[in-house]
N, C-alpha and C. Protein backbone atom coordinates (compact mmCIF):
# COMPACT_ATOMS: atom_id res chain seq x y z
N MET A 1 9.50 -149.53 -100.97
CA MET A 1 8.20 -150.04 -100.60
C MET A 1 8.25 -150.43 -99.13
N ASN A 2 7.27 -149.93 -98.38
CA ASN A 2 7.25 -150.26 -96.96
C ASN A 2 6.53 -151.59 -96.73
N GLU A 3 6.58 -152.04 -95.49
CA GLU A 3 6.06 -153.37 -95.14
C GLU A 3 4.56 -153.50 -95.39
N SER A 4 3.76 -152.49 -95.05
CA SER A 4 2.31 -152.60 -95.25
C SER A 4 1.95 -152.66 -96.74
N GLU A 5 2.68 -151.89 -97.54
CA GLU A 5 2.42 -151.93 -98.98
C GLU A 5 2.82 -153.29 -99.56
N ARG A 6 3.94 -153.81 -99.13
CA ARG A 6 4.39 -155.11 -99.60
C ARG A 6 3.38 -156.20 -99.22
N MET A 7 2.91 -156.15 -97.97
CA MET A 7 1.93 -157.12 -97.51
C MET A 7 0.62 -157.00 -98.29
N ALA A 8 0.20 -155.78 -98.55
CA ALA A 8 -1.03 -155.55 -99.32
C ALA A 8 -0.91 -156.13 -100.73
N LEU A 9 0.24 -155.95 -101.35
CA LEU A 9 0.44 -156.49 -102.70
C LEU A 9 0.44 -158.02 -102.70
N ILE A 10 1.04 -158.62 -101.68
CA ILE A 10 1.03 -160.08 -101.56
C ILE A 10 -0.41 -160.58 -101.40
N LEU A 11 -1.15 -159.92 -100.52
CA LEU A 11 -2.55 -160.31 -100.30
C LEU A 11 -3.39 -160.12 -101.55
N PHE A 12 -3.12 -159.04 -102.28
CA PHE A 12 -3.86 -158.78 -103.52
C PHE A 12 -3.61 -159.93 -104.50
N ARG A 13 -2.36 -160.32 -104.64
CA ARG A 13 -2.02 -161.43 -105.53
C ARG A 13 -2.71 -162.71 -105.08
N GLU A 14 -2.69 -162.97 -103.78
CA GLU A 14 -3.35 -164.16 -103.25
C GLU A 14 -4.86 -164.11 -103.49
N ALA A 15 -5.44 -162.92 -103.40
CA ALA A 15 -6.87 -162.77 -103.67
C ALA A 15 -7.19 -163.09 -105.13
N LEU A 16 -6.34 -162.61 -106.03
CA LEU A 16 -6.54 -162.91 -107.45
C LEU A 16 -6.41 -164.42 -107.71
N GLU A 17 -5.44 -165.04 -107.07
CA GLU A 17 -5.28 -166.49 -107.22
C GLU A 17 -6.50 -167.24 -106.69
N ALA A 18 -7.02 -166.80 -105.55
CA ALA A 18 -8.21 -167.44 -104.98
C ALA A 18 -9.41 -167.23 -105.91
N GLU A 19 -9.54 -166.04 -106.45
CA GLU A 19 -10.64 -165.76 -107.37
C GLU A 19 -10.54 -166.65 -108.61
N ASN A 20 -9.34 -166.76 -109.16
CA ASN A 20 -9.14 -167.62 -110.34
C ASN A 20 -9.45 -169.09 -110.03
N ALA A 21 -9.23 -169.49 -108.79
CA ALA A 21 -9.53 -170.86 -108.37
C ALA A 21 -11.00 -171.00 -107.95
N ARG A 22 -11.77 -169.93 -108.12
CA ARG A 22 -13.20 -169.88 -107.77
C ARG A 22 -13.44 -170.04 -106.27
N ASP A 23 -12.44 -169.72 -105.46
CA ASP A 23 -12.60 -169.69 -104.01
C ASP A 23 -12.93 -168.25 -103.62
N LEU A 24 -14.18 -167.88 -103.86
CA LEU A 24 -14.58 -166.48 -103.73
C LEU A 24 -14.59 -166.02 -102.27
N GLU A 25 -14.88 -166.91 -101.35
CA GLU A 25 -14.85 -166.52 -99.93
C GLU A 25 -13.44 -166.13 -99.51
N ARG A 26 -12.47 -166.93 -99.92
CA ARG A 26 -11.07 -166.62 -99.60
C ARG A 26 -10.64 -165.33 -100.29
N ALA A 27 -11.06 -165.14 -101.53
CA ALA A 27 -10.73 -163.91 -102.25
C ALA A 27 -11.29 -162.69 -101.52
N LYS A 28 -12.53 -162.80 -101.04
CA LYS A 28 -13.14 -161.68 -100.31
C LYS A 28 -12.38 -161.38 -99.02
N ARG A 29 -11.99 -162.42 -98.29
CA ARG A 29 -11.23 -162.20 -97.05
C ARG A 29 -9.90 -161.50 -97.34
N LYS A 30 -9.23 -161.94 -98.38
CA LYS A 30 -7.94 -161.33 -98.74
C LYS A 30 -8.13 -159.87 -99.16
N LEU A 31 -9.15 -159.61 -99.95
CA LEU A 31 -9.39 -158.24 -100.41
C LEU A 31 -9.82 -157.34 -99.26
N ASP A 32 -10.60 -157.86 -98.31
CA ASP A 32 -10.95 -157.08 -97.12
C ASP A 32 -9.68 -156.67 -96.36
N LYS A 33 -8.76 -157.60 -96.25
CA LYS A 33 -7.50 -157.31 -95.55
C LYS A 33 -6.69 -156.26 -96.32
N VAL A 34 -6.65 -156.39 -97.65
CA VAL A 34 -5.96 -155.38 -98.47
C VAL A 34 -6.58 -154.01 -98.22
N MET A 35 -7.90 -153.95 -98.22
CA MET A 35 -8.58 -152.67 -98.01
C MET A 35 -8.26 -152.10 -96.63
N GLU A 36 -8.21 -152.96 -95.63
CA GLU A 36 -7.88 -152.53 -94.28
C GLU A 36 -6.47 -151.94 -94.23
N LEU A 37 -5.53 -152.59 -94.89
CA LEU A 37 -4.13 -152.14 -94.88
C LEU A 37 -3.89 -150.88 -95.70
N THR A 38 -4.72 -150.65 -96.72
CA THR A 38 -4.41 -149.58 -97.67
C THR A 38 -5.31 -148.35 -97.57
N ARG A 39 -6.36 -148.42 -96.82
CA ARG A 39 -7.37 -147.35 -96.80
C ARG A 39 -6.76 -145.96 -96.64
N LYS A 40 -5.88 -145.79 -95.71
CA LYS A 40 -5.32 -144.45 -95.45
C LYS A 40 -3.95 -144.23 -96.08
N LYS A 41 -3.14 -145.26 -96.17
CA LYS A 41 -1.76 -145.08 -96.60
C LYS A 41 -1.54 -145.27 -98.10
N HIS A 42 -2.38 -146.08 -98.73
CA HIS A 42 -2.19 -146.40 -100.15
C HIS A 42 -3.53 -146.36 -100.87
N PRO A 43 -4.07 -145.16 -101.06
CA PRO A 43 -5.44 -145.06 -101.59
C PRO A 43 -5.62 -145.63 -103.00
N GLU A 44 -4.56 -145.66 -103.79
CA GLU A 44 -4.70 -146.25 -105.14
C GLU A 44 -4.94 -147.76 -105.04
N LEU A 45 -4.22 -148.41 -104.14
CA LEU A 45 -4.44 -149.84 -103.93
C LEU A 45 -5.81 -150.10 -103.32
N TYR A 46 -6.24 -149.23 -102.42
CA TYR A 46 -7.57 -149.35 -101.83
C TYR A 46 -8.63 -149.30 -102.93
N PHE A 47 -8.49 -148.34 -103.83
CA PHE A 47 -9.43 -148.18 -104.95
C PHE A 47 -9.48 -149.47 -105.77
N GLU A 48 -8.33 -150.00 -106.12
CA GLU A 48 -8.29 -151.22 -106.93
C GLU A 48 -8.88 -152.41 -106.18
N ALA A 49 -8.60 -152.51 -104.89
CA ALA A 49 -9.14 -153.61 -104.09
C ALA A 49 -10.66 -153.52 -104.00
N CYS A 50 -11.19 -152.32 -103.86
CA CYS A 50 -12.65 -152.14 -103.80
C CYS A 50 -13.30 -152.65 -105.08
N PHE A 51 -12.74 -152.29 -106.22
CA PHE A 51 -13.34 -152.72 -107.48
C PHE A 51 -13.10 -154.21 -107.75
N ARG A 52 -11.99 -154.75 -107.28
CA ARG A 52 -11.79 -156.20 -107.42
C ARG A 52 -12.82 -156.93 -106.58
N LEU A 53 -13.08 -156.41 -105.36
CA LEU A 53 -14.10 -157.00 -104.50
C LEU A 53 -15.48 -156.86 -105.14
N ALA A 54 -15.73 -155.75 -105.78
CA ALA A 54 -17.00 -155.57 -106.51
C ALA A 54 -17.14 -156.65 -107.58
N ASP A 55 -16.06 -156.95 -108.28
CA ASP A 55 -16.10 -158.01 -109.29
C ASP A 55 -16.41 -159.37 -108.66
N VAL A 56 -15.84 -159.63 -107.50
CA VAL A 56 -16.13 -160.89 -106.81
C VAL A 56 -17.61 -160.94 -106.43
N PHE A 57 -18.13 -159.84 -105.93
CA PHE A 57 -19.55 -159.80 -105.58
C PHE A 57 -20.43 -160.06 -106.81
N ILE A 58 -20.05 -159.52 -107.94
CA ILE A 58 -20.82 -159.77 -109.17
C ILE A 58 -20.80 -161.25 -109.51
N GLN A 59 -19.65 -161.88 -109.35
CA GLN A 59 -19.56 -163.33 -109.61
C GLN A 59 -20.47 -164.12 -108.68
N GLU A 60 -20.72 -163.58 -107.50
CA GLU A 60 -21.61 -164.23 -106.54
C GLU A 60 -23.07 -163.81 -106.74
N ASP A 61 -23.31 -162.97 -107.74
CA ASP A 61 -24.65 -162.47 -108.03
C ASP A 61 -25.12 -161.49 -106.95
N ASN A 62 -24.18 -160.83 -106.29
CA ASN A 62 -24.47 -159.85 -105.24
C ASN A 62 -24.19 -158.46 -105.81
N TYR A 63 -25.11 -157.97 -106.64
CA TYR A 63 -24.90 -156.69 -107.30
C TYR A 63 -24.92 -155.53 -106.31
N ARG A 64 -25.77 -155.62 -105.32
CA ARG A 64 -25.83 -154.52 -104.35
C ARG A 64 -24.51 -154.40 -103.59
N GLY A 65 -23.90 -155.52 -103.24
CA GLY A 65 -22.58 -155.48 -102.61
C GLY A 65 -21.56 -154.85 -103.53
N ALA A 66 -21.65 -155.15 -104.83
CA ALA A 66 -20.74 -154.55 -105.81
C ALA A 66 -20.91 -153.04 -105.87
N VAL A 67 -22.15 -152.58 -105.84
CA VAL A 67 -22.41 -151.13 -105.88
C VAL A 67 -21.86 -150.46 -104.63
N LYS A 68 -22.04 -151.09 -103.49
CA LYS A 68 -21.53 -150.51 -102.25
C LYS A 68 -20.01 -150.38 -102.29
N CYS A 69 -19.33 -151.41 -102.79
CA CYS A 69 -17.86 -151.35 -102.92
C CYS A 69 -17.45 -150.24 -103.87
N ALA A 70 -18.15 -150.13 -104.97
CA ALA A 70 -17.83 -149.10 -105.96
C ALA A 70 -18.01 -147.71 -105.36
N LEU A 71 -19.07 -147.50 -104.61
CA LEU A 71 -19.30 -146.20 -103.99
C LEU A 71 -18.20 -145.86 -102.99
N ARG A 72 -17.75 -146.85 -102.22
CA ARG A 72 -16.64 -146.62 -101.28
C ARG A 72 -15.37 -146.25 -102.02
N ALA A 73 -15.10 -146.94 -103.13
CA ALA A 73 -13.90 -146.65 -103.92
C ALA A 73 -13.94 -145.23 -104.47
N ILE A 74 -15.08 -144.85 -105.01
CA ILE A 74 -15.22 -143.50 -105.57
C ILE A 74 -15.06 -142.46 -104.46
N TYR A 75 -15.71 -142.71 -103.34
CA TYR A 75 -15.66 -141.76 -102.23
C TYR A 75 -14.24 -141.49 -101.77
N LEU A 76 -13.42 -142.53 -101.73
CA LEU A 76 -12.04 -142.37 -101.25
C LEU A 76 -11.01 -142.29 -102.37
N ALA A 77 -11.48 -142.10 -103.59
CA ALA A 77 -10.55 -142.01 -104.73
C ALA A 77 -9.54 -140.88 -104.48
N PRO A 78 -8.25 -141.18 -104.65
CA PRO A 78 -7.22 -140.19 -104.33
C PRO A 78 -6.98 -139.15 -105.42
N SER A 79 -7.62 -139.31 -106.57
CA SER A 79 -7.42 -138.34 -107.65
C SER A 79 -8.70 -138.19 -108.45
N ARG A 80 -8.79 -137.10 -109.15
CA ARG A 80 -9.95 -136.86 -110.02
C ARG A 80 -10.04 -137.95 -111.10
N GLU A 81 -8.90 -138.36 -111.62
CA GLU A 81 -8.87 -139.40 -112.65
C GLU A 81 -9.50 -140.70 -112.15
N LEU A 82 -9.11 -141.13 -110.95
CA LEU A 82 -9.68 -142.35 -110.39
C LEU A 82 -11.15 -142.16 -110.02
N TYR A 83 -11.50 -140.98 -109.55
CA TYR A 83 -12.90 -140.67 -109.23
C TYR A 83 -13.77 -140.87 -110.47
N LEU A 84 -13.35 -140.30 -111.59
CA LEU A 84 -14.12 -140.41 -112.83
C LEU A 84 -14.10 -141.84 -113.37
N ARG A 85 -12.96 -142.51 -113.25
CA ARG A 85 -12.88 -143.91 -113.68
C ARG A 85 -13.82 -144.77 -112.84
N GLY A 86 -13.89 -144.47 -111.56
CA GLY A 86 -14.79 -145.20 -110.66
C GLY A 86 -16.25 -145.01 -111.05
N ILE A 87 -16.62 -143.80 -111.44
CA ILE A 87 -18.00 -143.55 -111.87
C ILE A 87 -18.32 -144.39 -113.10
N LYS A 88 -17.38 -144.44 -114.04
CA LYS A 88 -17.61 -145.25 -115.25
C LYS A 88 -17.76 -146.72 -114.88
N MET A 89 -16.91 -147.20 -113.99
CA MET A 89 -16.97 -148.61 -113.58
C MET A 89 -18.27 -148.90 -112.83
N LEU A 90 -18.70 -147.97 -111.98
CA LEU A 90 -19.97 -148.12 -111.28
C LEU A 90 -21.11 -148.14 -112.30
N GLY A 91 -21.03 -147.26 -113.29
CA GLY A 91 -22.05 -147.25 -114.34
C GLY A 91 -22.16 -148.59 -115.02
N ASP A 92 -21.02 -149.24 -115.27
CA ASP A 92 -21.04 -150.57 -115.88
C ASP A 92 -21.79 -151.58 -115.00
N VAL A 93 -21.56 -151.52 -113.70
CA VAL A 93 -22.26 -152.42 -112.78
C VAL A 93 -23.76 -152.13 -112.81
N LEU A 94 -24.12 -150.85 -112.79
CA LEU A 94 -25.53 -150.47 -112.80
C LEU A 94 -26.23 -150.92 -114.09
N PHE A 95 -25.53 -150.80 -115.22
CA PHE A 95 -26.13 -151.23 -116.49
C PHE A 95 -26.31 -152.74 -116.52
N MET A 96 -25.37 -153.48 -115.91
CA MET A 96 -25.54 -154.94 -115.78
C MET A 96 -26.78 -155.24 -114.95
N MET A 97 -26.91 -154.52 -113.85
CA MET A 97 -28.07 -154.73 -112.98
C MET A 97 -29.36 -154.44 -113.75
N LYS A 98 -29.35 -153.36 -114.50
CA LYS A 98 -30.52 -152.99 -115.29
C LYS A 98 -30.85 -154.09 -116.28
N ARG A 99 -29.85 -154.58 -116.99
CA ARG A 99 -30.04 -155.64 -117.99
C ARG A 99 -30.59 -156.91 -117.35
N GLU A 100 -30.15 -157.20 -116.12
CA GLU A 100 -30.59 -158.41 -115.41
C GLU A 100 -31.91 -158.21 -114.67
N GLY A 101 -32.46 -156.99 -114.75
CA GLY A 101 -33.70 -156.70 -114.03
C GLY A 101 -33.52 -156.62 -112.53
N ARG A 102 -32.35 -156.19 -112.09
CA ARG A 102 -32.01 -156.21 -110.66
C ARG A 102 -31.80 -154.81 -110.06
N LEU A 103 -32.02 -153.78 -110.83
CA LEU A 103 -31.78 -152.42 -110.32
C LEU A 103 -32.65 -152.12 -109.11
N ARG A 104 -33.81 -152.70 -109.07
CA ARG A 104 -34.75 -152.47 -107.96
C ARG A 104 -34.10 -152.78 -106.59
N GLU A 105 -33.11 -153.68 -106.57
CA GLU A 105 -32.44 -154.05 -105.32
C GLU A 105 -31.80 -152.86 -104.61
N LEU A 106 -31.47 -151.83 -105.36
CA LEU A 106 -30.83 -150.65 -104.76
C LEU A 106 -31.83 -149.77 -104.01
N GLY A 107 -33.11 -150.08 -104.13
CA GLY A 107 -34.13 -149.29 -103.46
C GLY A 107 -34.29 -149.60 -101.98
N GLU A 108 -33.58 -150.61 -101.50
CA GLU A 108 -33.76 -151.03 -100.11
C GLU A 108 -32.41 -151.12 -99.38
N ASN A 109 -32.45 -150.77 -98.12
CA ASN A 109 -31.31 -150.97 -97.21
C ASN A 109 -30.01 -150.31 -97.69
N MET A 110 -30.10 -149.13 -98.22
CA MET A 110 -28.90 -148.42 -98.66
C MET A 110 -28.50 -147.30 -97.69
N GLU A 111 -29.23 -147.18 -96.59
CA GLU A 111 -28.99 -146.08 -95.65
C GLU A 111 -27.56 -146.07 -95.10
N ALA A 112 -27.06 -147.24 -94.74
CA ALA A 112 -25.70 -147.30 -94.18
C ALA A 112 -24.67 -146.85 -95.21
N THR A 113 -24.83 -147.28 -96.44
CA THR A 113 -23.90 -146.87 -97.50
C THR A 113 -24.01 -145.37 -97.76
N LEU A 114 -25.22 -144.86 -97.80
CA LEU A 114 -25.40 -143.42 -98.00
C LEU A 114 -24.74 -142.63 -96.86
N GLY A 115 -24.82 -143.17 -95.65
CA GLY A 115 -24.18 -142.52 -94.52
C GLY A 115 -22.66 -142.47 -94.65
N LEU A 116 -22.07 -143.51 -95.24
CA LEU A 116 -20.61 -143.55 -95.41
C LEU A 116 -20.10 -142.51 -96.38
N ILE A 117 -20.94 -142.10 -97.33
CA ILE A 117 -20.49 -141.17 -98.38
C ILE A 117 -21.09 -139.78 -98.23
N LYS A 118 -21.69 -139.50 -97.09
CA LYS A 118 -22.41 -138.23 -96.91
C LYS A 118 -21.51 -137.00 -97.02
N ASN A 119 -20.22 -137.14 -96.79
CA ASN A 119 -19.32 -135.97 -96.85
C ASN A 119 -18.94 -135.57 -98.28
N ASP A 120 -19.29 -136.40 -99.25
CA ASP A 120 -19.12 -136.03 -100.66
C ASP A 120 -20.53 -135.73 -101.18
N GLU A 121 -20.90 -134.46 -101.13
CA GLU A 121 -22.27 -134.06 -101.42
C GLU A 121 -22.75 -134.55 -102.79
N GLU A 122 -21.90 -134.41 -103.79
CA GLU A 122 -22.29 -134.80 -105.15
C GLU A 122 -22.47 -136.32 -105.27
N LEU A 123 -21.56 -137.08 -104.72
CA LEU A 123 -21.67 -138.54 -104.75
C LEU A 123 -22.89 -138.99 -103.95
N HIS A 124 -23.12 -138.36 -102.83
CA HIS A 124 -24.29 -138.69 -102.01
C HIS A 124 -25.59 -138.40 -102.76
N ARG A 125 -25.67 -137.26 -103.43
CA ARG A 125 -26.87 -136.94 -104.22
C ARG A 125 -27.07 -137.95 -105.35
N PHE A 126 -25.97 -138.35 -105.99
CA PHE A 126 -26.03 -139.35 -107.05
C PHE A 126 -26.56 -140.68 -106.51
N ALA A 127 -25.97 -141.15 -105.41
CA ALA A 127 -26.40 -142.42 -104.83
C ALA A 127 -27.85 -142.35 -104.37
N SER A 128 -28.25 -141.22 -103.80
CA SER A 128 -29.65 -141.03 -103.39
C SER A 128 -30.57 -141.06 -104.60
N ALA A 129 -30.13 -140.47 -105.69
CA ALA A 129 -30.92 -140.49 -106.94
C ALA A 129 -31.05 -141.92 -107.45
N LEU A 130 -29.98 -142.71 -107.34
CA LEU A 130 -30.05 -144.12 -107.75
C LEU A 130 -31.08 -144.88 -106.93
N VAL A 131 -31.09 -144.62 -105.63
CA VAL A 131 -32.05 -145.29 -104.75
C VAL A 131 -33.48 -144.91 -105.17
N ARG A 132 -33.71 -143.63 -105.40
CA ARG A 132 -35.05 -143.19 -105.81
C ARG A 132 -35.44 -143.79 -107.16
N LEU A 133 -34.50 -143.82 -108.09
CA LEU A 133 -34.76 -144.41 -109.40
C LEU A 133 -35.09 -145.89 -109.26
N ALA A 134 -34.36 -146.59 -108.41
CA ALA A 134 -34.60 -148.02 -108.19
C ALA A 134 -35.98 -148.27 -107.58
N ARG A 135 -36.47 -147.30 -106.84
CA ARG A 135 -37.81 -147.41 -106.23
C ARG A 135 -38.92 -147.04 -107.21
N GLY A 136 -38.52 -146.63 -108.40
CA GLY A 136 -39.51 -146.28 -109.41
C GLY A 136 -39.92 -144.82 -109.40
N GLU A 137 -39.22 -144.01 -108.63
CA GLU A 137 -39.53 -142.58 -108.56
C GLU A 137 -38.87 -141.85 -109.72
N GLU A 138 -39.45 -140.72 -110.08
CA GLU A 138 -38.84 -139.86 -111.10
C GLU A 138 -37.62 -139.17 -110.49
N VAL A 139 -36.59 -139.06 -111.26
CA VAL A 139 -35.36 -138.41 -110.81
C VAL A 139 -34.99 -137.34 -111.82
N ALA A 140 -34.91 -136.11 -111.34
CA ALA A 140 -34.52 -134.99 -112.19
C ALA A 140 -33.46 -134.18 -111.46
N GLU A 141 -32.28 -134.73 -111.39
CA GLU A 141 -31.16 -134.09 -110.68
C GLU A 141 -30.19 -133.50 -111.70
N ASN A 142 -29.58 -132.41 -111.32
CA ASN A 142 -28.47 -131.86 -112.09
C ASN A 142 -27.21 -132.03 -111.26
N PHE A 143 -26.17 -132.55 -111.90
CA PHE A 143 -24.92 -132.81 -111.20
C PHE A 143 -23.81 -131.97 -111.81
N SER A 144 -22.91 -131.50 -110.95
CA SER A 144 -21.76 -130.75 -111.47
C SER A 144 -20.76 -131.70 -112.14
N VAL A 145 -20.76 -132.97 -111.73
CA VAL A 145 -19.93 -133.98 -112.38
C VAL A 145 -20.79 -134.61 -113.47
N LYS A 146 -20.50 -134.28 -114.71
CA LYS A 146 -21.38 -134.68 -115.82
C LYS A 146 -21.54 -136.19 -115.93
N GLU A 147 -20.53 -136.94 -115.52
CA GLU A 147 -20.60 -138.41 -115.59
C GLU A 147 -21.74 -138.98 -114.74
N PHE A 148 -22.03 -138.34 -113.61
CA PHE A 148 -23.16 -138.79 -112.80
C PHE A 148 -24.46 -138.62 -113.58
N GLY A 149 -24.62 -137.47 -114.19
CA GLY A 149 -25.82 -137.22 -114.98
C GLY A 149 -25.96 -138.17 -116.14
N GLU A 150 -24.83 -138.51 -116.78
CA GLU A 150 -24.86 -139.44 -117.91
C GLU A 150 -25.34 -140.82 -117.48
N VAL A 151 -24.87 -141.28 -116.32
CA VAL A 151 -25.28 -142.60 -115.83
C VAL A 151 -26.79 -142.59 -115.55
N ILE A 152 -27.25 -141.58 -114.83
CA ILE A 152 -28.69 -141.49 -114.51
C ILE A 152 -29.51 -141.43 -115.79
N GLU A 153 -29.08 -140.63 -116.74
CA GLU A 153 -29.82 -140.49 -118.00
C GLU A 153 -29.90 -141.82 -118.74
N LYS A 154 -28.80 -142.54 -118.81
CA LYS A 154 -28.82 -143.85 -119.50
C LYS A 154 -29.74 -144.82 -118.78
N LEU A 155 -29.75 -144.78 -117.47
CA LEU A 155 -30.65 -145.66 -116.73
C LEU A 155 -32.11 -145.25 -116.94
N ARG A 156 -32.37 -143.96 -117.05
CA ARG A 156 -33.74 -143.48 -117.29
C ARG A 156 -34.20 -143.74 -118.71
N GLU A 157 -33.27 -143.67 -119.68
CA GLU A 157 -33.62 -143.87 -121.09
C GLU A 157 -34.36 -145.18 -121.30
N SER A 158 -33.90 -146.18 -120.66
CA SER A 158 -34.52 -147.49 -120.85
C SER A 158 -35.52 -147.78 -119.73
N ARG A 159 -36.06 -146.74 -119.17
CA ARG A 159 -36.99 -146.84 -118.04
C ARG A 159 -38.20 -147.71 -118.39
N ARG A 160 -38.55 -147.74 -119.66
CA ARG A 160 -39.71 -148.52 -120.06
C ARG A 160 -39.49 -150.01 -119.82
N GLU A 161 -38.23 -150.40 -119.77
CA GLU A 161 -37.92 -151.80 -119.48
C GLU A 161 -38.04 -152.03 -117.98
N PRO A 162 -38.40 -153.23 -117.57
CA PRO A 162 -38.56 -153.48 -116.13
C PRO A 162 -37.22 -153.38 -115.40
N PHE A 163 -37.31 -152.88 -114.16
CA PHE A 163 -36.13 -152.83 -113.31
C PHE A 163 -35.90 -154.20 -112.75
């Protein structure tokens, strides 16, 4: 284990301890540092840190921040397995938002996030479809990654319920 990986693991542990102590600001700072250290050299740790940060955002009632973290994790997922796992985890966040009547929040100010994932055409189309759906627009997209289509379909199924 090299020094950056060791440091990232220490910070990750400290972030979990801060989260357990309900010091969410400290947890976010630690996780940001983990993400900075691992983005290029340790993509599996980066993926895990993104989703841990998404969980912290959910605890703060910041669902849009959680979605943005999830999209970054999926975009940089180092394997197909993690990519698909990330979609499922993002779907869970979206369904929570739907249940809480908060999906509409994704209809605004997502341009920067969409710009970050533009090089993954399928993920970008999915995120764009989410934005349109959150705005109340009809979405009829076909995705080569069936999991994207499943998430959109589940969100549309309960369309009669308020966003």
